C-alpha atoms as a PDB file:
ATOM      1  CA  UNK A   1     -27.002 133.200-107.512  1.00  0.00           C
ATOM      2  CA  UNK A   2     -29.082 136.239-108.322  1.00  0.00           C
ATOM      3  CA  UNK A   3     -32.604 135.943-109.687  1.00  0.00           C
ATOM      4  CA  UNK A   4     -34.339 138.884-111.347  1.00  0.00           C
ATOM      5  CA  UNK A   5     -37.390 139.446-113.490  1.00  0.00           C
ATOM      6  CA  UNK A   6     -37.010 141.593-116.581  1.00  0.00           C
ATOM      7  CA  UNK A   7     -39.556 142.750-119.138  1.00  0.00           C
ATOM      8  CA  UNK A   8     -38.310 143.660-122.575  1.00  0.00           C
ATOM      9  CA  UNK A   9     -40.337 145.429-125.240  1.00  0.00           C
ATOM     10  CA  UNK A  10     -39.584 147.087-128.534  1.00  0.00           C
ATOM     11  CA  UNK A  11     -36.045 146.962-129.842  1.00  0.00           C
ATOM     12  CA  UNK A  12     -34.733 145.050-126.815  1.00  0.00           C
ATOM     13  CA  UNK A  13     -37.252 142.291-127.336  1.00  0.00           C
ATOM     14  CA  UNK A  14     -36.263 142.139-131.011  1.00  0.00           C
ATOM     15  CA  UNK A  15     -32.588 141.866-130.072  1.00  0.00           C
ATOM     16  CA  UNK A  16     -33.338 138.927-127.761  1.00  0.00           C
ATOM     17  CA  UNK A  17     -35.388 137.241-130.470  1.00  0.00           C
ATOM     18  CA  UNK A  18     -32.565 137.813-132.994  1.00  0.00           C
ATOM     19  CA  UNK A  19     -30.017 136.193-130.658  1.00  0.00           C
ATOM     20  CA  UNK A  20     -32.280 133.161-130.402  1.00  0.00           C
ATOM     21  CA  UNK A  21     -33.165 132.929-134.093  1.00  0.00           C
ATOM     22  CA  UNK A  22     -29.497 133.276-135.070  1.00  0.00           C
ATOM     23  CA  UNK A  23     -28.664 130.265-132.917  1.00  0.00           C
ATOM     24  CA  UNK A  24     -26.413 132.150-130.519  1.00  0.00           C
ATOM     25  CA  UNK A  25     -28.773 131.400-127.641  1.00  0.00           C
ATOM     26  CA  UNK A  26     -31.452 128.800-127.001  1.00  0.00           C
ATOM     27  CA  UNK A  27     -33.465 130.889-124.536  1.00  0.00           C
ATOM     28  CA  UNK A  28     -33.943 134.541-123.640  1.00  0.00           C
ATOM     29  CA  UNK A  29     -32.122 133.920-120.373  1.00  0.00           C
ATOM     30  CA  UNK A  30     -29.143 132.532-122.263  1.00  0.00           C
ATOM     31  CA  UNK A  31     -29.279 135.495-124.664  1.00  0.00           C
ATOM     32  CA  UNK A  32     -29.140 137.938-121.743  1.00  0.00           C
ATOM     33  CA  UNK A  33     -26.179 136.065-120.226  1.00  0.00           C
ATOM     34  CA  UNK A  34     -24.436 136.173-123.611  1.00  0.00           C
ATOM     35  CA  UNK A  35     -25.054 139.916-123.976  1.00  0.00           C
ATOM     36  CA  UNK A  36     -23.829 140.629-120.449  1.00  0.00           C
ATOM     37  CA  UNK A  37     -20.706 138.544-120.965  1.00  0.00           C
ATOM     38  CA  UNK A  38     -19.977 140.131-124.354  1.00  0.00           C
ATOM     39  CA  UNK A  39     -20.471 143.622-122.946  1.00  0.00           C
ATOM     40  CA  UNK A  40     -18.044 142.900-120.100  1.00  0.00           C
ATOM     41  CA  UNK A  41     -15.413 141.787-122.620  1.00  0.00           C
ATOM     42  CA  UNK A  42     -16.018 144.739-124.963  1.00  0.00           C
ATOM     43  CA  UNK A  43     -15.789 147.270-122.111  1.00  0.00           C
ATOM     44  CA  UNK A  44     -12.648 145.696-120.696  1.00  0.00           C
ATOM     45  CA  UNK A  45     -14.318 144.709-117.440  1.00  0.00           C
ATOM     46  CA  UNK A  46     -12.902 141.209-117.803  1.00  0.00           C
ATOM     47  CA  UNK A  47      -9.760 140.208-119.645  1.00  0.00           C
ATOM     48  CA  UNK A  48      -9.318 137.418-122.153  1.00  0.00           C
ATOM     49  CA  UNK A  49      -7.238 135.496-119.603  1.00  0.00           C
ATOM     50  CA  UNK A  50      -9.999 135.753-116.973  1.00  0.00           C
ATOM     51  CA  UNK A  51     -12.539 134.794-119.634  1.00  0.00           C
ATOM     52  CA  UNK A  52     -10.640 131.636-120.516  1.00  0.00           C
ATOM     53  CA  UNK A  53     -10.178 130.596-116.873  1.00  0.00           C
ATOM     54  CA  UNK A  54     -13.835 131.294-116.102  1.00  0.00           C
ATOM     55  CA  UNK A  55     -15.059 129.256-119.051  1.00  0.00           C
ATOM     56  CA  UNK A  56     -12.783 126.348-118.209  1.00  0.00           C
ATOM     57  CA  UNK A  57     -13.875 126.307-114.576  1.00  0.00           C
ATOM     58  CA  UNK A  58     -17.576 126.773-115.300  1.00  0.00           C
ATOM     59  CA  UNK A  59     -17.941 124.159-117.979  1.00  0.00           C
ATOM     60  CA  UNK A  60     -15.218 121.771-116.743  1.00  0.00           C
ATOM     61  CA  UNK A  61     -14.412 120.757-120.270  1.00  0.00           C
ATOM     62  CA  UNK A  62     -11.091 119.901-121.764  1.00  0.00           C
ATOM     63  CA  UNK A  63      -8.819 122.931-121.785  1.00  0.00           C
ATOM     64  CA  UNK A  64      -9.432 125.255-124.702  1.00  0.00           C
ATOM     65  CA  UNK A  65      -6.986 127.770-126.091  1.00  0.00           C
ATOM     66  CA  UNK A  66      -7.398 131.506-125.870  1.00  0.00           C
ATOM     67  CA  UNK A  67      -7.491 131.510-129.674  1.00  0.00           C
ATOM     68  CA  UNK A  68     -10.563 129.252-129.620  1.00  0.00           C
ATOM     69  CA  UNK A  69     -12.303 131.547-127.126  1.00  0.00           C
ATOM     70  CA  UNK A  70     -11.478 134.664-129.123  1.00  0.00           C
ATOM     71  CA  UNK A  71     -12.541 132.943-132.343  1.00  0.00           C
ATOM     72  CA  UNK A  72     -15.874 132.035-130.782  1.00  0.00           C
ATOM     73  CA  UNK A  73     -16.391 135.597-129.615  1.00  0.00           C
ATOM     74  CA  UNK A  74     -15.635 136.953-133.087  1.00  0.00           C
ATOM     75  CA  UNK A  75     -17.997 134.401-134.664  1.00  0.00           C
ATOM     76  CA  UNK A  76     -20.738 135.478-132.259  1.00  0.00           C
ATOM     77  CA  UNK A  77     -20.172 139.162-133.064  1.00  0.00           C
ATOM     78  CA  UNK A  78     -20.358 138.446-136.788  1.00  0.00           C
ATOM     79  CA  UNK A  79     -23.596 136.485-136.347  1.00  0.00           C
ATOM     80  CA  UNK A  80     -25.180 139.340-134.395  1.00  0.00           C
ATOM     81  CA  UNK A  81     -24.258 141.826-137.136  1.00  0.00           C
ATOM     82  CA  UNK A  82     -26.082 139.768-139.797  1.00  0.00           C
END
């Protein structure tokens, strides 16, 4: 685990607040994790297949389909654009 301290001001602080107020994240830490994860997907750093396996392993939930993961990502993108 890596622990860091970040200070956000201006537009970055507003983005974090928007992620929280939109319901995409409950905390600023969760919002940063979401943004990092979304950026990795958008830039092709991680594939959809890796994303699905990572989510299944991390949350140890019932298996979810790649379509559900992609749908959730698209829903999140749409919410951020609002």
